């Protein structure tokens, strides 16, 4: 099944990759493309300050870009950075890559631990994948998966990962000057450092088009993700490993 980054759609997609999140071939799987936390317009993604204050988005996109190029080991590193900021899509991608041994030796116990982490908010599609993985593990793998999972939760679980992202979102808001919400100037202007790196007299500002508080207010950001994941369908897919994209370049 080909999917785009959950933060882009259509011609604006950064990468199309093959995703495997189940245990058979063919098997039931998850349409992660439909689980997008938000379809963020390209103009917003490219606006000053957005990706710098949304490391979950930035590293997820980087992971998909590297996977598209066939650089799976580097993709894992990027997805791990996104996972540190509570990105459930990236955690599910890490589960798939460990399951299939892409960019890392095949390790089904670690794959299950990542999927268990991805499913911690109770999103039904990821819960189903987690249970399918568990059923395919040997008793020894199940025991090791529990041990690995304890370490992953300590570093990547929502209890510690959500506050990381929330600090970044709030930092972006503190640096912003909000424009009119009712007129044409319905964006945010982010303070930009001057030539000397300061925010003094030589500093300027850059407009962030399409400002939407759902992408900046932590509670609304998580609620939006919950809503989108809740609508994700469970579909029949053919389970395949990630492959480099053979289409046009970036």
Protein backbone atom coordinates (compact mmCIF):
# COMPACT_ATOMS: atom_id res chain seq x y z
CA UNK A 1 0.00 0.00 0.00
CA UNK A 2 1.39 3.39 -0.97
CA UNK A 3 0.81 6.30 1.35
CA UNK A 4 1.99 9.86 1.58
CA UNK A 5 3.20 11.70 4.60
CA UNK A 6 0.20 12.21 6.90
CA UNK A 7 0.97 15.92 6.88
CA UNK A 8 0.74 16.32 3.10
CA UNK A 9 -1.62 15.19 0.40
CA UNK A 10 -1.90 15.03 -3.38
CA UNK A 11 0.80 16.63 -5.50
CA UNK A 12 2.27 18.25 -2.40
CA UNK A 13 3.29 14.90 -0.91
CA UNK A 14 6.97 14.77 -0.08
CA UNK A 15 7.29 11.02 -0.41
CA UNK A 16 5.31 7.91 -1.24
CA UNK A 17 6.48 4.79 0.54
CA UNK A 18 5.36 1.22 1.04
CA UNK A 19 4.22 0.57 4.57
CA UNK A 20 3.81 -2.78 6.29
CA UNK A 21 2.08 -2.88 9.64
CA UNK A 22 0.66 -6.40 9.87
CA UNK A 23 1.92 -9.95 10.15
CA UNK A 24 0.66 -11.86 7.12
CA UNK A 25 0.65 -11.57 3.35
CA UNK A 26 -1.95 -10.51 2.45
CA UNK A 27 -3.36 -9.29 5.78
CA UNK A 28 -5.56 -6.63 7.24
CA UNK A 29 -3.73 -3.40 7.84
CA UNK A 30 -4.10 0.29 8.56
CA UNK A 31 -4.59 3.12 6.11
CA UNK A 32 -2.23 5.52 7.85
CA UNK A 33 -2.75 8.15 5.17
CA UNK A 34 -6.27 8.62 6.50
CA UNK A 35 -4.93 8.99 10.04
CA UNK A 36 -3.30 12.33 9.36
CA UNK A 37 -3.22 14.57 12.45
CA UNK A 38 -3.80 17.43 10.00
CA UNK A 39 -3.46 18.20 6.33
CA UNK A 40 -1.14 21.17 6.70
CA UNK A 41 -0.96 23.44 3.65
CA UNK A 42 2.40 23.70 1.93
CA UNK A 43 2.50 27.44 2.60
CA UNK A 44 2.28 26.77 6.33
CA UNK A 45 4.88 24.00 6.27
CA UNK A 46 7.27 26.35 4.47
CA UNK A 47 6.56 29.35 6.69
CA UNK A 48 9.30 30.59 9.04
CA UNK A 49 9.18 28.95 12.43
CA UNK A 50 6.67 26.21 11.69
CA UNK A 51 8.88 23.17 11.22
CA UNK A 52 11.37 24.54 13.73
CA UNK A 53 8.65 24.43 16.39
CA UNK A 54 7.01 21.21 15.17
CA UNK A 55 9.81 18.63 15.41
CA UNK A 56 7.28 15.82 15.15
CA UNK A 57 6.33 17.02 11.66
CA UNK A 58 9.84 17.99 10.62
CA UNK A 59 11.46 14.67 11.53
CA UNK A 60 8.57 12.60 10.22
CA UNK A 61 8.91 14.28 6.82
CA UNK A 62 12.67 13.78 6.92
CA UNK A 63 12.21 10.10 7.74
CA UNK A 64 9.85 9.62 4.81
CA UNK A 65 12.25 11.47 2.53
CA UNK A 66 15.15 9.25 3.53
CA UNK A 67 13.05 6.10 3.18
CA UNK A 68 12.05 7.18 -0.30
CA UNK A 69 15.73 7.36 -1.20
CA UNK A 70 16.33 3.90 0.20
CA UNK A 71 18.37 5.24 3.13
CA UNK A 72 16.53 3.13 5.67
CA UNK A 73 19.08 3.33 8.48
CA UNK A 74 19.01 7.14 8.24
CA UNK A 75 15.21 7.05 8.06
CA UNK A 76 15.12 5.17 11.34
CA UNK A 77 17.15 7.91 12.99
CA UNK A 78 14.75 10.56 11.73
CA UNK A 79 11.65 8.61 12.79
CA UNK A 80 13.17 8.16 16.24
CA UNK A 81 13.49 11.94 16.56
CA UNK A 82 9.84 12.35 15.58
CA UNK A 83 8.93 9.55 18.00
CA UNK A 84 10.62 11.49 20.82
CA UNK A 85 8.03 14.18 20.19
CA UNK A 86 5.02 11.86 20.46
CA UNK A 87 4.49 11.21 16.75
CA UNK A 88 2.50 7.98 16.63
CA UNK A 89 2.84 7.64 12.86
CA UNK A 90 6.65 7.55 13.17
CA UNK A 91 6.46 5.05 16.02
CA UNK A 92 4.34 2.80 13.81
CA UNK A 93 6.84 3.23 10.98
CA UNK A 94 9.63 2.13 13.31
CA UNK A 95 7.59 -0.94 14.20
CA UNK A 96 7.25 -1.81 10.52
CA UNK A 97 10.94 -1.30 9.77
CA UNK A 98 12.09 -3.43 12.70
CA UNK A 99 9.58 -6.13 11.75
CA UNK A 100 10.92 -6.30 8.19
CA UNK A 101 14.58 -5.66 8.99
CA UNK A 102 14.90 -2.46 6.99
CA UNK A 103 17.79 -0.29 8.07
CA UNK A 104 18.22 -2.57 11.06
CA UNK A 105 18.36 -6.33 11.71
CA UNK A 106 14.95 -7.98 11.84
CA UNK A 107 13.73 -7.84 15.42
CA UNK A 108 10.07 -8.73 15.91
CA UNK A 109 10.17 -8.17 19.66
CA UNK A 110 11.39 -4.61 19.21
CA UNK A 111 8.88 -4.11 16.40
CA UNK A 112 6.06 -5.11 18.73
CA UNK A 113 7.38 -2.78 21.45
CA UNK A 114 7.27 0.15 19.02
CA UNK A 115 3.75 -0.77 17.90
CA UNK A 116 2.61 -1.08 21.50
CA UNK A 117 3.95 2.43 22.06
CA UNK A 118 2.26 3.72 18.90
CA UNK A 119 -1.04 2.31 20.19
CA UNK A 120 -0.82 3.74 23.70
CA UNK A 121 -3.56 6.32 23.08
CA UNK A 122 -5.95 3.55 22.11
CA UNK A 123 -6.24 4.36 18.42
CA UNK A 124 -8.12 1.34 17.10
CA UNK A 125 -6.12 0.78 13.88
CA UNK A 126 -2.86 0.64 15.79
CA UNK A 127 -4.33 -1.51 18.53
CA UNK A 128 -5.35 -4.07 15.90
CA UNK A 129 -1.85 -4.11 14.44
CA UNK A 130 -0.36 -4.49 17.88
CA UNK A 131 -2.51 -7.52 18.63
CA UNK A 132 -1.68 -9.16 15.29
CA UNK A 133 2.01 -8.72 15.97
CA UNK A 134 1.68 -10.14 19.47
CA UNK A 135 -0.10 -13.23 18.19
CA UNK A 136 2.76 -13.90 15.77
CA UNK A 137 5.48 -13.71 18.42
CA UNK A 138 6.95 -16.73 20.15
CA UNK A 139 6.75 -16.88 23.94
CA UNK A 140 10.40 -15.89 24.16
CA UNK A 141 9.85 -12.93 21.82
CA UNK A 142 6.86 -11.84 23.84
CA UNK A 143 8.91 -11.76 27.02
CA UNK A 144 11.67 -9.73 25.39
CA UNK A 145 9.12 -7.39 23.83
CA UNK A 146 7.90 -6.49 27.31
CA UNK A 147 11.45 -5.74 28.43
CA UNK A 148 12.19 -3.62 25.36
CA UNK A 149 8.87 -1.84 25.73
CA UNK A 150 9.68 -0.68 29.24
CA UNK A 151 12.81 1.05 27.95
CA UNK A 152 10.97 2.62 25.02
CA UNK A 153 8.19 4.00 27.20
CA UNK A 154 10.75 5.65 29.46
CA UNK A 155 12.14 7.61 26.49
CA UNK A 156 9.28 7.85 23.97
CA UNK A 157 6.03 7.38 25.89
CA UNK A 158 3.47 10.20 25.90
CA UNK A 159 4.23 10.98 29.54
CA UNK A 160 7.65 12.31 28.54
CA UNK A 161 7.27 12.86 24.77
CA UNK A 162 4.19 15.08 24.80
CA UNK A 163 5.79 17.66 27.13
CA UNK A 164 8.78 17.86 24.77
CA UNK A 165 6.57 18.88 21.87
CA UNK A 166 4.39 21.13 24.02
CA UNK A 167 7.46 23.10 25.12
CA UNK A 168 8.38 23.62 21.48
CA UNK A 169 4.86 24.70 20.50
CA UNK A 170 4.64 27.17 23.38
CA UNK A 171 8.05 28.56 22.56
CA UNK A 172 6.83 29.28 19.04
CA UNK A 173 3.74 31.01 20.37
CA UNK A 174 5.78 33.15 22.76
CA UNK A 175 7.87 34.40 19.84
CA UNK A 176 4.85 35.26 17.75
CA UNK A 177 2.89 38.47 17.40
CA UNK A 178 -0.73 37.64 16.57
CA UNK A 179 -2.48 39.65 13.87
CA UNK A 180 -6.18 40.30 13.42
CA UNK A 181 -8.33 37.17 13.60
CA UNK A 182 -11.28 38.81 11.83
CA UNK A 183 -9.75 40.67 8.89
CA UNK A 184 -7.51 39.70 6.01
CA UNK A 185 -4.48 39.72 8.32
CA UNK A 186 -5.48 36.45 9.98
CA UNK A 187 -2.02 35.05 10.38
CA UNK A 188 0.88 35.17 12.77
CA UNK A 189 4.07 37.13 12.38
CA UNK A 190 7.08 35.37 13.84
CA UNK A 191 9.93 37.50 15.10
CA UNK A 192 13.04 36.97 13.01
CA UNK A 193 16.56 37.66 14.38
CA UNK A 194 18.45 40.62 12.97
CA UNK A 195 21.83 40.44 11.26
CA UNK A 196 23.58 40.18 14.62
CA UNK A 197 21.34 37.31 15.73
CA UNK A 198 19.45 39.46 18.22
CA UNK A 199 15.78 40.43 18.39
CA UNK A 200 16.64 44.10 18.74
CA UNK A 201 16.07 47.06 16.45
CA UNK A 202 17.40 45.24 13.38
CA UNK A 203 15.04 42.32 13.80
CA UNK A 204 12.13 41.85 11.45
CA UNK A 205 9.10 39.64 11.22
CA UNK A 206 7.87 37.02 8.79
CA UNK A 207 4.23 36.19 8.22
CA UNK A 208 2.97 32.68 8.78
CA UNK A 209 0.04 32.27 6.38
CA UNK A 210 -2.98 30.24 7.36
CA UNK A 211 -2.36 30.37 11.09
CA UNK A 212 -4.58 27.91 12.88
CA UNK A 213 -4.43 27.53 16.65
CA UNK A 214 -5.08 23.81 16.34
CA UNK A 215 -1.46 23.43 15.20
CA UNK A 216 -0.03 25.48 18.06
CA UNK A 217 -2.21 25.05 21.15
CA UNK A 218 -1.13 21.70 22.72
CA UNK A 219 -4.57 20.57 23.86
CA UNK A 220 -6.11 21.32 20.47
CA UNK A 221 -3.19 19.72 18.66
CA UNK A 222 -3.64 16.43 20.54
CA UNK A 223 -7.41 16.58 20.11
CA UNK A 224 -6.99 17.00 16.37
CA UNK A 225 -4.76 13.94 16.23
CA UNK A 226 -7.27 11.94 18.25
CA UNK A 227 -10.03 12.94 15.84
CA UNK A 228 -8.05 12.05 12.72
CA UNK A 229 -6.80 8.71 14.03
CA UNK A 230 -10.32 7.87 15.15
CA UNK A 231 -11.46 8.12 11.53
CA UNK A 232 -8.70 5.89 10.14
CA UNK A 233 -10.20 2.91 8.32
CA UNK A 234 -8.92 -0.63 8.64
CA UNK A 235 -8.42 -1.97 5.13
CA UNK A 236 -7.20 -5.07 3.37
CA UNK A 237 -3.64 -4.45 2.20
CA UNK A 238 -0.79 -6.46 0.83
CA UNK A 239 2.03 -6.37 3.33
CA UNK A 240 5.28 -5.27 1.72
CA UNK A 241 8.54 -3.82 3.05
CA UNK A 242 9.58 -0.24 2.42
CA UNK A 243 11.10 0.33 -1.01
CA UNK A 244 12.82 3.36 -2.54
CA UNK A 245 10.52 5.44 -4.70
CA UNK A 246 11.28 4.97 -8.40
CA UNK A 247 9.39 8.04 -9.54
CA UNK A 248 10.66 11.57 -10.23
CA UNK A 249 13.14 13.16 -7.85
CA UNK A 250 12.27 15.36 -4.89
